[in-house]
Protein backbone atom coordinates (compact mmCIF):
# COMPACT_ATOMS: atom_id res chain seq x y z
CA MET A 1 -4.80 33.47 -3.12
CA ARG A 2 -6.06 31.07 -5.79
CA HIS A 3 -2.56 29.62 -6.21
CA LEU A 4 -2.31 29.04 -2.46
CA THR A 5 -5.66 27.23 -2.42
CA LEU A 6 -4.57 25.00 -5.30
CA THR A 7 -1.28 24.20 -3.56
CA ILE A 8 -3.03 23.28 -0.32
CA THR A 9 -5.52 21.10 -2.19
CA LEU A 10 -2.72 19.24 -3.96
CA LEU A 11 -0.85 18.70 -0.70
CA LEU A 12 -3.96 17.29 0.95
CA LEU A 13 -4.55 14.92 -1.97
CA PHE A 14 -0.97 13.71 -1.77
CA ALA A 15 -1.18 13.20 1.99
CA THR A 16 -4.41 11.18 1.80
CA SER A 17 -3.11 8.94 -0.97
CA ALA A 18 -0.35 7.46 1.17
CA LEU A 19 1.06 4.22 -0.09
CA ALA A 20 -0.66 1.21 1.37
CA TYR A 21 0.67 -2.32 1.55
CA ILE A 22 -1.45 -5.42 1.16
CA GLY A 23 -0.34 -8.77 2.49
CA ASN A 24 -1.54 -12.22 1.52
CA SER A 25 -2.25 -14.34 4.60
CA ASN A 26 -1.65 -17.55 2.58
CA SER A 27 1.71 -16.72 1.03
CA PHE A 28 2.92 -14.23 3.68
CA LYS A 29 4.06 -11.88 0.90
CA PHE A 30 3.17 -8.21 0.86
CA HIS A 31 2.62 -5.95 -2.12
CA ARG A 32 2.13 -2.32 -3.10
CA ASP A 33 -1.57 -1.56 -3.30
CA LYS A 34 -1.39 -1.26 -7.11
CA CYS A 35 0.46 -4.56 -7.70
CA GLN A 36 -1.02 -6.95 -10.25
CA TRP A 37 -1.05 -9.72 -7.65
CA VAL A 38 -3.32 -7.79 -5.28
CA LYS A 39 -6.05 -7.84 -7.95
CA LYS A 40 -5.78 -11.65 -8.16
CA MET A 41 -5.85 -12.16 -4.39
CA ASP A 42 -8.98 -13.43 -2.64
CA GLU A 43 -10.50 -10.74 -0.44
CA VAL A 44 -10.47 -13.03 2.62
CA ASN A 45 -6.67 -13.36 2.35
CA LYS A 46 -5.92 -9.61 2.20
CA VAL A 47 -4.20 -8.03 5.19
CA SER A 48 -3.57 -4.26 5.20
CA PHE A 49 -0.41 -2.65 6.53
CA ASN A 50 0.25 1.05 7.04
CA ASN A 51 3.92 0.77 6.19
CA ARG A 52 6.63 -1.61 5.02
CA LYS A 53 8.16 -1.98 8.47
CA GLN A 54 4.84 -3.15 9.92
CA ALA A 55 4.51 -5.86 7.23
CA ILE A 56 8.04 -7.16 7.79
CA LYS A 57 7.57 -7.18 11.57
CA ALA A 58 4.44 -9.33 11.03
CA GLY A 59 6.56 -11.91 9.17
CA TYR A 60 5.64 -10.97 5.60
CA VAL A 61 8.22 -10.81 2.79
CA PRO A 62 8.23 -8.30 -0.09
CA CYS A 63 6.81 -9.22 -3.50
CA LYS A 64 9.46 -9.76 -6.16
CA VAL A 65 7.27 -8.10 -8.82
CA CYS A 66 6.30 -4.75 -7.25
CA ARG A 67 9.26 -4.59 -4.84
CA PRO A 68 7.57 -2.71 -1.99
């Protein structure tokens, strides 16, 4: 039973840590949430996307550093 509880907990943690994408409204590039360029971005320029397809549909291009 303890093993099952641990497995369920790990699955829930994995599911809630889904990869997010952050776009820059000035450059129209999007990045993985852990990219070094996201840390340097002004908060007012950050645009969140749920997935890669959504960012591309909005006209953003992938970062050449983090390659989302």
